[in-house]
Protein backbone atom coordinates (compact mmCIF):
# COMPACT_ATOMS: atom_id res chain seq x y z
CA UNK A 1 -6.31 -5.01 -29.73
CA UNK A 2 -3.32 -3.81 -27.68
CA UNK A 3 0.05 -5.55 -27.60
CA UNK A 4 0.21 -9.12 -26.31
CA UNK A 5 0.61 -9.90 -22.63
CA UNK A 6 4.29 -10.33 -21.67
CA UNK A 7 3.57 -13.20 -19.28
CA UNK A 8 4.52 -16.49 -20.97
CA UNK A 9 1.53 -18.60 -21.99
CA UNK A 10 -1.03 -16.08 -20.75
CA UNK A 11 -4.35 -15.77 -22.52
CA UNK A 12 -3.90 -12.22 -23.89
CA UNK A 13 -7.58 -11.70 -24.62
CA UNK A 14 -8.31 -12.22 -20.89
CA UNK A 15 -5.65 -9.86 -19.43
CA UNK A 16 -6.60 -6.55 -17.83
CA UNK A 17 -3.71 -4.68 -19.44
CA UNK A 18 -0.80 -5.64 -21.68
CA UNK A 19 1.72 -4.94 -18.89
CA UNK A 20 0.20 -7.19 -16.22
CA UNK A 21 -1.79 -10.40 -16.10
CA UNK A 22 -3.85 -12.12 -13.36
CA UNK A 23 -1.91 -14.83 -11.53
CA UNK A 24 -4.49 -17.47 -12.46
CA UNK A 25 -3.66 -16.97 -16.18
CA UNK A 26 0.00 -17.97 -15.86
CA UNK A 27 1.24 -21.44 -16.85
CA UNK A 28 2.66 -23.75 -14.16
CA UNK A 29 6.43 -23.44 -13.81
CA UNK A 30 6.47 -19.70 -14.57
CA UNK A 31 8.03 -17.24 -12.10
CA UNK A 32 6.42 -13.82 -11.96
CA UNK A 33 6.53 -10.64 -9.86
CA UNK A 34 3.44 -9.30 -8.07
CA UNK A 35 2.61 -5.82 -9.38
CA UNK A 36 -0.82 -5.03 -7.95
CA UNK A 37 -3.44 -6.48 -5.61
CA UNK A 38 -7.03 -5.73 -6.64
CA UNK A 39 -9.06 -7.51 -3.93
CA UNK A 40 -10.80 -5.76 -1.05
CA UNK A 41 -8.56 -3.80 1.36
CA UNK A 42 -8.92 -6.51 4.02
CA UNK A 43 -8.04 -9.29 1.58
CA UNK A 44 -5.11 -7.28 0.18
CA UNK A 45 -3.77 -6.90 3.73
CA UNK A 46 -4.08 -10.66 4.30
CA UNK A 47 -2.39 -11.45 0.97
CA UNK A 48 0.52 -9.19 1.95
CA UNK A 49 0.76 -10.96 5.33
CA UNK A 50 1.02 -14.26 3.43
CA UNK A 51 3.86 -12.90 1.28
CA UNK A 52 2.01 -11.71 -1.83
CA UNK A 53 3.19 -8.11 -1.52
CA UNK A 54 4.05 -5.90 -4.46
CA UNK A 55 7.39 -6.75 -6.12
CA UNK A 56 7.46 -10.23 -4.51
CA UNK A 57 8.52 -13.19 -6.66
CA UNK A 58 5.98 -15.99 -7.05
CA UNK A 59 6.42 -19.29 -8.85
CA UNK A 60 3.27 -21.01 -10.11
CA UNK A 61 3.57 -24.73 -9.32
CA UNK A 62 0.20 -26.17 -10.30
CA UNK A 63 -3.12 -25.08 -11.77
CA UNK A 64 -5.30 -28.05 -10.75
CA UNK A 65 -8.47 -27.33 -8.71
CA UNK A 66 -6.71 -24.47 -6.94
CA UNK A 67 -3.60 -22.54 -7.89
CA UNK A 68 -0.56 -23.83 -5.99
CA UNK A 69 2.38 -21.45 -5.85
CA UNK A 70 5.63 -20.89 -4.04
CA UNK A 71 6.15 -17.56 -2.30
CA UNK A 72 8.69 -16.72 0.43
CA UNK A 73 9.92 -20.36 0.44
CA UNK A 74 6.41 -21.60 1.28
CA UNK A 75 3.84 -23.38 -0.85
CA UNK A 76 0.39 -21.82 -0.75
CA UNK A 77 -2.88 -22.69 -2.43
CA UNK A 78 -5.23 -20.00 -3.72
CA UNK A 79 -8.68 -20.21 -5.24
CA UNK A 80 -8.96 -19.25 -8.88
CA UNK A 81 -11.10 -16.28 -7.88
CA UNK A 82 -8.53 -14.95 -5.40
CA UNK A 83 -5.59 -15.57 -7.78
CA UNK A 84 -7.39 -13.43 -10.35
CA UNK A 85 -7.04 -10.41 -8.04
CA UNK A 86 -3.23 -10.69 -8.02
CA UNK A 87 -1.80 -8.93 -11.07
CA UNK A 88 1.68 -10.08 -12.07
CA UNK A 89 4.45 -9.42 -14.57
CA UNK A 90 7.17 -11.80 -15.80
CA UNK A 91 10.38 -11.86 -13.80
CA UNK A 92 12.96 -9.49 -15.22
CA UNK A 93 15.88 -11.42 -16.73
CA UNK A 94 18.23 -8.53 -15.86
CA UNK A 95 18.46 -9.46 -12.18
CA UNK A 96 16.64 -10.03 -8.93
CA UNK A 97 13.57 -7.97 -8.17
CA UNK A 98 13.46 -8.58 -4.42
CA UNK A 99 14.73 -11.44 -2.32
CA UNK A 100 12.29 -13.28 -0.09
CA UNK A 101 12.65 -12.40 3.57
């Protein structure tokens, strides 16, 4: 098995790669950075319109029936299936990645 997923409290055996993890595998309260969108081109465009672009910060707020997260100072709910198409990485402690517009 490859090295463990760097996202806190991720299920490493369910991650696509050790460097990134699907958004729906991250524990509530964790802030991550979007690295890749793997949905259809139309859905990726819509996700970017909603603020889920590459290098954007996202904070996971709740993992109840749907995933509730904060992005661009807005709270958005995503289905588990859609959240799985958003690959993320933990926020770098060395400084800001990109400020929300």
